[in-house]
Amino acid sequence: MAKDELIAILRLQSIPNIGDVIAKKIIGHCSSPAAVFDDKLSNLLKIDGIGTHTLKGLHDQTHLENAEEEYKFIQSKNIGYSYFMNPDYPAYLRHCIDSPILLFKRGNIDLAGRKIISVVGTRNITSYGTAFCENFIEEIAPLNPIIVSGFAYGVDICVQRAAAKHNLQTIGCLAHGLNQIYPKVHAKYTPDIEQNGGFVTDFWSTSNPERENFLKRNRIIAGMSEATIVIESAEKGGSLVTADIAHSYNRDVFAVPGRSNDKYSLGCNNLIKRQKAQMITSAADLVYLLGWSIEEKETKTVQKQLFVELDVTEKSIYSYLQKDGKQLLDSIALECKLPIFKTSSTLLNMEMKGVIRPLPGKLFEAI
């Protein structure tokens, strides 16, 4: 990209009343970022939804000076960037109305033709959440997806470290500029992340990790991927914001269930209960629900379950479903010589263990 075009984009970003949505509208009208500053204000005011308040400061030299300073930083630190109109811009993110007009990046990121999923959750990850993260990544690794998260404490760093361990490309979406890493204690993990993946942000080098920045960056985590998975969450939390954003983008949202009295499963359970997320208990569930096409040898690896201990009744039901395929609740009860109430409760337990899945019409099948 030519220097004057990049500076024009940065200049637009610097103007307080022009956000990403308005910037795209103005650029579309003028055909290029640089042309915005050559056009007459009277012409720009003809754009639907654009008023004098929005364009206030458009030709303020302070914004040009700010843009030139940030340009120097980009050049001096060899920062990569993707403009929303260019082919290298994340394809899923481009379809989001409020996606950034410019995305800064660092590392070895290659999105071409890849499956991309976001994984988020509480900063106060429990042993249950840690086990799920590590097992999920091990199971999904044969499909070689890109794992997107926020590089924060808890679920984020757990899943990104696991991804790096299995040589999966992983991307950390930051809530500040690329001149720093937050939290600082995670700086030791950046070489592994950047070796196969990297970091993205729409914040300048002058931005610090303020609370509102984390909420803003969540749209990138949700927008970059075809699906978002919430591992653990309290009743309120940033990961639920990410899930809501993903839902608003018409993306698939998944949540890992937990016990009803576990503090850091309340958020996930509520997402499932309110039908804002589908329940998953293994990577195989995700593969099935997203309709990913994979090789048979990969299927067997992905279908390795987190919970494999079955009692005698569960083994009987599982063997029947494996042999005869999808079956009705009544048929299962009849074949396994069980009362309906016992069959129903057993199937629920098996679903929680991730060895069967319910289907429309009261059908069940083995995973």
Protein backbone atom coordinates (compact mmCIF):
# COMPACT_ATOMS: atom_id res chain seq x y z
CA MET A 1 0.00 0.00 0.00
CA ALA A 2 1.28 3.47 -0.90
CA LYS A 3 2.44 5.68 1.96
CA ASP A 4 -0.17 8.40 1.32
CA GLU A 5 -3.01 5.86 1.39
CA LEU A 6 -1.86 4.30 4.65
CA ILE A 7 -1.46 7.71 6.28
CA ALA A 8 -4.94 8.68 5.05
CA ILE A 9 -6.40 5.55 6.69
CA LEU A 10 -4.58 6.32 9.94
CA ARG A 11 -5.76 9.91 9.73
CA LEU A 12 -9.37 8.74 9.47
CA GLN A 13 -8.83 6.49 12.51
CA SER A 14 -7.51 9.47 14.45
CA ILE A 15 -10.68 11.55 14.02
CA PRO A 16 -12.89 11.06 17.12
CA ASN A 17 -16.29 11.20 15.42
CA ILE A 18 -15.40 8.83 12.59
CA GLY A 19 -15.53 5.19 13.64
CA ASP A 20 -15.11 2.12 11.47
CA VAL A 21 -18.70 2.06 10.19
CA ILE A 22 -18.66 5.73 9.13
CA ALA A 23 -15.11 5.45 7.73
CA LYS A 24 -16.16 2.61 5.40
CA LYS A 25 -19.15 4.62 4.23
CA ILE A 26 -17.03 7.70 3.46
CA ILE A 27 -14.27 5.68 1.75
CA GLY A 28 -16.87 3.91 -0.38
CA HIS A 29 -18.25 7.28 -1.48
CA CYS A 30 -14.83 8.73 -2.32
CA SER A 31 -13.28 5.54 -3.83
CA SER A 32 -10.12 5.70 -1.69
CA PRO A 33 -8.95 6.90 1.75
CA ALA A 34 -6.72 9.63 0.31
CA ALA A 35 -9.58 10.95 -1.84
CA VAL A 36 -11.61 11.66 1.32
CA PHE A 37 -9.34 14.56 2.19
CA ASP A 38 -9.40 15.95 -1.35
CA ASP A 39 -13.19 16.01 -1.61
CA LYS A 40 -15.32 19.01 -0.73
CA LEU A 41 -17.18 19.00 2.57
CA SER A 42 -20.38 19.82 0.70
CA ASN A 43 -20.04 16.55 -1.23
CA LEU A 44 -19.30 14.51 1.89
CA LEU A 45 -22.36 15.95 3.61
CA LYS A 46 -24.51 14.40 0.90
CA ILE A 47 -23.64 10.94 2.21
CA ASP A 48 -26.56 9.40 4.09
CA GLY A 49 -26.05 9.66 7.85
CA ILE A 50 -23.10 12.07 7.64
CA GLY A 51 -23.46 15.47 9.29
CA THR A 52 -21.26 18.42 10.19
CA HIS A 53 -20.62 16.99 13.68
CA THR A 54 -19.22 13.78 12.17
CA LEU A 55 -16.86 15.66 9.88
CA LYS A 56 -15.69 18.10 12.53
CA GLY A 57 -11.92 18.03 12.59
CA LEU A 58 -11.60 16.27 9.23
CA HIS A 59 -8.91 18.72 8.12
CA ASP A 60 -7.42 19.32 11.55
CA GLN A 61 -3.64 19.05 11.09
CA THR A 62 -3.31 17.40 14.49
CA HIS A 63 -4.86 14.24 13.09
CA LEU A 64 -2.46 14.28 10.16
CA GLU A 65 0.49 14.67 12.53
CA ASN A 66 -0.79 11.80 14.68
CA ALA A 67 -1.12 9.61 11.59
CA GLU A 68 2.40 10.41 10.47
CA GLU A 69 3.78 9.49 13.91
CA GLU A 70 1.98 6.15 13.90
CA TYR A 71 3.20 5.52 10.37
CA LYS A 72 6.77 5.97 11.61
CA PHE A 73 6.15 3.42 14.36
CA ILE A 74 4.71 0.92 11.85
CA GLN A 75 7.74 1.30 9.61
CA SER A 76 10.35 1.24 12.39
CA LYS A 77 8.94 -1.92 14.00
CA ASN A 78 8.05 -3.62 10.70
CA ILE A 79 4.40 -3.95 11.78
CA GLY A 80 2.16 -5.71 9.30
CA TYR A 81 -1.34 -4.50 8.50
CA SER A 82 -4.43 -5.52 6.56
CA TYR A 83 -6.79 -2.98 4.99
CA PHE A 84 -10.42 -4.11 4.96
CA MET A 85 -10.60 -3.89 1.15
CA ASN A 86 -7.50 -6.03 0.57
CA PRO A 87 -7.47 -9.82 -0.07
CA ASP A 88 -5.31 -10.55 2.99
CA TYR A 89 -7.92 -9.11 5.37
CA PRO A 90 -9.63 -11.85 7.46
CA ALA A 91 -12.55 -13.05 5.34
CA TYR A 92 -15.00 -13.67 8.18
CA LEU A 93 -14.17 -10.33 9.80
CA ARG A 94 -14.77 -8.41 6.57
CA HIS A 95 -18.47 -9.33 6.74
CA CYS A 96 -18.90 -7.63 10.13
CA ILE A 97 -20.31 -4.12 9.84
CA ASP A 98 -18.11 -2.74 12.64
CA SER A 99 -14.89 -4.51 11.68
CA PRO A 100 -11.78 -2.29 11.76
CA ILE A 101 -10.77 -0.55 8.56
CA LEU A 102 -7.17 -1.40 9.42
CA LEU A 103 -5.92 -4.41 11.35
CA PHE A 104 -2.33 -4.41 12.62
CA LYS A 105 -0.51 -7.74 12.89
CA ARG A 106 2.73 -9.33 13.98
CA GLY A 107 4.10 -12.84 13.56
CA ASN A 108 3.48 -15.51 10.92
CA ILE A 109 -0.24 -15.40 10.27
CA ASP A 110 -1.69 -17.25 7.29
CA LEU A 111 -5.49 -17.43 7.11
CA ALA A 112 -5.85 -18.69 3.55
CA GLY A 113 -8.25 -21.62 3.26
CA ARG A 114 -8.13 -22.43 6.96
CA LYS A 115 -10.76 -23.41 9.51
CA ILE A 116 -10.85 -20.71 12.21
CA ILE A 117 -12.45 -20.95 15.64
CA SER A 118 -12.36 -18.63 18.65
CA VAL A 119 -12.05 -19.99 22.17
CA VAL A 120 -12.77 -17.75 25.17
CA GLY A 121 -13.62 -18.03 28.85
CA THR A 122 -13.03 -16.88 32.38
CA ARG A 123 -9.71 -15.57 33.64
CA ASN A 124 -10.27 -17.72 36.73
CA ILE A 125 -9.99 -21.04 34.95
CA THR A 126 -10.60 -24.17 37.05
CA SER A 127 -9.03 -27.62 36.75
CA TYR A 128 -12.17 -28.67 34.82
CA GLY A 129 -11.67 -25.85 32.31
CA THR A 130 -7.95 -26.55 31.99
CA ALA A 131 -8.58 -30.23 31.31
CA PHE A 132 -11.19 -29.39 28.69
CA CYS A 133 -8.91 -26.86 26.93
CA GLU A 134 -6.01 -29.27 26.72
CA ASN A 135 -8.09 -32.26 25.64
CA PHE A 136 -10.09 -30.21 23.14
CA ILE A 137 -6.95 -28.94 21.41
CA GLU A 138 -5.43 -32.44 21.35
CA GLU A 139 -8.61 -33.80 19.77
CA ILE A 140 -9.03 -31.02 17.20
CA ALA A 141 -5.34 -30.87 16.21
CA PRO A 142 -5.63 -33.32 13.26
CA LEU A 143 -7.90 -30.83 11.50
CA ASN A 144 -5.23 -28.12 11.81
CA PRO A 145 -7.59 -25.22 12.62
CA ILE A 146 -6.50 -21.72 13.62
CA ILE A 147 -7.27 -20.97 17.27
CA VAL A 148 -8.17 -17.34 18.06
CA SER A 149 -8.30 -15.97 21.61
CA GLY A 150 -7.43 -12.92 23.67
CA PHE A 151 -4.03 -13.89 25.20
CA ALA A 152 -5.41 -12.95 28.63
CA TYR A 153 -5.25 -14.88 31.89
CA GLY A 154 -7.18 -18.10 32.32
CA VAL A 155 -8.85 -19.82 29.38
CA ASP A 156 -7.19 -17.59 26.76
CA ILE A 157 -3.58 -18.37 27.59
CA CYS A 158 -4.41 -22.00 28.41
CA VAL A 159 -5.91 -22.71 24.99
CA GLN A 160 -3.27 -20.71 23.11
CA ARG A 161 -0.39 -22.48 24.85
CA ALA A 162 -2.04 -25.82 24.10
CA ALA A 163 -2.44 -24.81 20.45
CA ALA A 164 1.24 -23.84 20.22
CA LYS A 165 2.21 -27.14 21.85
CA HIS A 166 0.36 -29.03 19.11
CA ASN A 167 1.84 -26.81 16.36
CA LEU A 168 -1.50 -25.19 15.58
CA GLN A 169 -1.57 -21.63 14.33
CA THR A 170 -2.95 -19.43 17.10
CA ILE A 171 -3.77 -15.72 17.06
CA GLY A 172 -3.98 -13.43 20.05
CA CYS A 173 -6.30 -10.43 19.70
CA LEU A 174 -4.87 -7.62 21.83
CA ALA A 175 -6.57 -4.69 23.53
CA HIS A 176 -3.60 -2.35 23.00
CA GLY A 177 -0.92 -1.48 20.48
CA LEU A 178 1.79 -3.85 19.27
CA ASN A 179 4.48 -1.95 21.17
CA GLN A 180 3.69 -3.94 24.33
CA ILE A 181 2.26 -7.19 25.68
CA TYR A 182 -0.38 -7.38 28.38
CA PRO A 183 -0.31 -9.05 30.78
CA LYS A 184 3.47 -8.68 30.95
CA VAL A 185 3.86 -12.11 32.50
CA HIS A 186 2.68 -13.61 29.20
CA ALA A 187 5.53 -12.01 27.23
CA LYS A 188 7.52 -15.24 27.63
CA TYR A 189 4.95 -17.03 25.45
CA THR A 190 5.12 -14.60 22.50
CA PRO A 191 7.97 -16.36 20.62
CA ASP A 192 6.01 -19.63 20.48
CA ILE A 193 2.84 -17.81 19.40
CA GLU A 194 4.59 -15.75 16.72
CA GLN A 195 6.46 -18.73 15.32
CA ASN A 196 3.19 -20.22 14.10
CA GLY A 197 0.56 -17.52 14.34
CA GLY A 198 0.84 -14.12 15.93
CA PHE A 199 -1.04 -11.12 17.24
CA VAL A 200 -3.61 -8.71 15.80
CA THR A 201 -5.10 -5.46 17.04
CA ASP A 202 -6.79 -2.34 15.72
CA PHE A 203 -5.25 -0.19 18.46
CA TRP A 204 -2.35 2.19 17.88
CA SER A 205 0.96 2.14 19.74
CA THR A 206 -0.39 5.01 21.86
CA SER A 207 -3.19 2.81 23.26
CA ASN A 208 -2.90 1.11 26.63
CA PRO A 209 -4.86 -1.93 27.90
CA GLU A 210 -7.84 -0.01 29.27
CA ARG A 211 -11.03 -1.82 30.26
CA GLU A 212 -13.10 -0.45 27.37
CA ASN A 213 -10.43 -1.62 24.92
CA PHE A 214 -10.94 -5.24 25.97
CA LEU A 215 -14.65 -4.95 25.26
CA LYS A 216 -13.93 -3.39 21.87
CA ARG A 217 -11.40 -6.04 20.84
CA ASN A 218 -13.97 -8.78 21.57
CA ARG A 219 -15.65 -7.98 18.25
CA ILE A 220 -12.45 -9.03 16.47
CA ILE A 221 -12.25 -12.32 18.38
CA ALA A 222 -15.88 -13.06 17.49
CA GLY A 223 -15.61 -11.72 13.95
CA MET A 224 -12.47 -13.53 12.78
CA SER A 225 -13.95 -16.99 13.26
CA GLU A 226 -16.81 -19.10 11.98
CA ALA A 227 -17.58 -20.19 15.54
CA THR A 228 -16.93 -19.12 19.12
CA ILE A 229 -16.56 -21.56 22.01
CA VAL A 230 -17.00 -20.52 25.64
CA ILE A 231 -15.12 -22.92 27.94
CA GLU A 232 -15.98 -21.51 31.38
CA SER A 233 -17.67 -18.31 32.51
CA ALA A 234 -19.24 -16.87 35.61
CA GLU A 235 -22.74 -15.43 35.38
CA LYS A 236 -21.23 -12.23 33.99
CA GLY A 237 -17.98 -11.77 32.12
CA GLY A 238 -16.16 -10.63 29.00
CA SER A 239 -16.45 -14.02 27.32
CA LEU A 240 -20.24 -13.70 27.43
CA VAL A 241 -19.90 -10.34 25.66
CA THR A 242 -17.87 -12.09 22.97
CA ALA A 243 -20.54 -14.78 22.70
CA ASP A 244 -23.26 -12.12 22.32
CA ILE A 245 -21.26 -10.38 19.59
CA ALA A 246 -20.71 -13.66 17.75
CA HIS A 247 -24.44 -14.35 18.03
CA SER A 248 -25.20 -10.91 16.58
CA TYR A 249 -22.92 -11.75 13.64
CA ASN A 250 -24.98 -14.91 13.04
CA ARG A 251 -22.00 -17.08 13.91
CA ASP A 252 -22.23 -20.41 15.69
CA VAL A 253 -21.72 -20.21 19.45
CA PHE A 254 -20.89 -23.22 21.61
CA ALA A 255 -20.58 -23.60 25.37
CA VAL A 256 -19.16 -26.29 27.62
CA PRO A 257 -21.69 -27.29 30.30
CA GLY A 258 -20.87 -27.68 33.97
CA ARG A 259 -22.57 -28.49 37.24
CA SER A 260 -25.39 -26.15 38.20
CA ASN A 261 -23.65 -25.00 41.38
CA ASP A 262 -20.24 -24.34 39.84
CA LYS A 263 -19.60 -20.58 39.79
CA TYR A 264 -17.59 -20.64 36.58
CA SER A 265 -20.09 -22.78 34.70
CA LEU A 266 -23.09 -20.51 35.32
CA GLY A 267 -22.44 -18.38 32.25
CA CYS A 268 -22.07 -21.40 29.95
CA ASN A 269 -25.12 -23.12 31.38
CA ASN A 270 -27.18 -19.95 30.91
CA LEU A 271 -26.06 -19.62 27.27
CA ILE A 272 -27.23 -23.17 26.62
CA LYS A 273 -30.44 -22.74 28.61
CA ARG A 274 -31.35 -19.55 26.75
CA GLN A 275 -30.49 -21.18 23.41
CA LYS A 276 -27.75 -18.66 22.67
CA ALA A 277 -25.22 -21.48 22.41
CA GLN A 278 -25.15 -25.16 21.56
CA MET A 279 -23.73 -27.56 24.11
CA ILE A 280 -20.48 -29.34 23.33
CA THR A 281 -18.56 -31.83 25.44
CA SER A 282 -15.83 -32.73 22.95
CA ALA A 283 -14.14 -31.65 19.74
CA ALA A 284 -16.17 -34.30 17.92
CA ASP A 285 -19.34 -32.37 18.80
CA LEU A 286 -17.92 -29.23 17.22
CA VAL A 287 -16.89 -31.07 14.05
CA TYR A 288 -20.34 -32.63 13.73
CA LEU A 289 -22.33 -29.47 14.46
CA LEU A 290 -20.26 -27.32 12.08
CA GLY A 291 -20.51 -29.94 9.37
CA TRP A 292 -16.77 -30.07 8.82
CA SER A 293 -15.70 -32.70 6.31
CA ILE A 294 -12.72 -34.73 7.48
CA GLU A 295 -10.90 -37.93 6.65
CA GLU A 296 -11.88 -41.13 8.45
CA LYS A 297 -8.52 -41.41 10.23
CA GLU A 298 -8.95 -37.84 11.48
CA THR A 299 -12.49 -38.61 12.64
CA LYS A 300 -11.28 -41.39 14.89
CA THR A 301 -8.70 -39.09 16.48
CA VAL A 302 -11.15 -36.23 16.95
CA GLN A 303 -13.74 -38.52 18.48
CA LYS A 304 -11.49 -39.39 21.38
CA GLN A 305 -13.72 -38.45 24.33
CA LEU A 306 -13.01 -36.47 27.47
CA PHE A 307 -15.12 -38.86 29.57
CA VAL A 308 -14.91 -42.58 28.76
CA GLU A 309 -15.97 -44.28 32.00
CA LEU A 310 -19.35 -45.94 31.37
CA ASP A 311 -21.37 -48.09 33.74
CA VAL A 312 -23.02 -51.36 32.68
CA THR A 313 -26.28 -49.71 31.58
CA GLU A 314 -24.46 -46.99 29.62
CA LYS A 315 -22.28 -49.59 27.88
CA SER A 316 -25.38 -51.52 26.85
CA ILE A 317 -26.99 -48.44 25.32
CA TYR A 318 -23.76 -47.31 23.67
CA SER A 319 -23.18 -50.75 22.07
CA TYR A 320 -26.73 -50.77 20.72
CA LEU A 321 -26.41 -47.30 19.19
CA GLN A 322 -23.02 -48.12 17.70
CA LYS A 323 -24.40 -51.28 16.09
CA ASP A 324 -27.80 -50.04 14.88
CA GLY A 325 -27.20 -46.29 14.42
CA LYS A 326 -29.77 -43.59 15.25
CA GLN A 327 -32.59 -44.85 17.46
CA LEU A 328 -35.69 -43.53 19.18
CA LEU A 329 -35.88 -43.30 22.97
CA ASP A 330 -38.61 -45.96 23.04
CA SER A 331 -36.57 -48.33 20.86
CA ILE A 332 -33.53 -47.94 23.09
CA ALA A 333 -35.58 -48.70 26.20
CA LEU A 334 -37.15 -51.76 24.56
CA GLU A 335 -33.89 -53.17 23.17
CA CYS A 336 -31.92 -52.61 26.39
CA LYS A 337 -34.79 -53.82 28.59
CA LEU A 338 -34.96 -50.59 30.58
CA PRO A 339 -37.90 -48.50 31.84
CA ILE A 340 -38.39 -45.22 29.97
CA PHE A 341 -37.50 -43.02 32.96
CA LYS A 342 -34.24 -44.96 33.48
CA THR A 343 -33.38 -44.77 29.78
CA SER A 344 -34.04 -41.03 29.66
CA SER A 345 -31.82 -40.23 32.68
CA THR A 346 -29.07 -42.53 31.43
CA LEU A 347 -29.08 -40.90 28.01
CA LEU A 348 -28.76 -37.49 29.65
CA ASN A 349 -25.72 -38.69 31.63
CA MET A 350 -24.18 -40.14 28.47
CA GLU A 351 -24.77 -36.86 26.64
CA MET A 352 -22.94 -35.00 29.41
CA LYS A 353 -20.07 -37.49 29.07
CA GLY A 354 -19.91 -36.74 25.38
CA VAL A 355 -20.47 -40.27 24.05
CA ILE A 356 -23.90 -39.73 22.49
CA ARG A 357 -25.80 -36.80 21.01
CA PRO A 358 -29.56 -36.08 20.81
CA LEU A 359 -31.13 -35.47 17.42
CA PRO A 360 -34.47 -33.99 16.33
CA GLY A 361 -37.47 -36.32 16.75
CA LYS A 362 -36.27 -37.88 20.02
CA LEU A 363 -33.51 -39.74 18.19
CA PHE A 364 -30.10 -40.47 19.69
CA GLU A 365 -26.83 -41.58 18.16
CA ALA A 366 -23.41 -42.67 19.40
CA ILE A 367 -20.48 -40.35 18.76
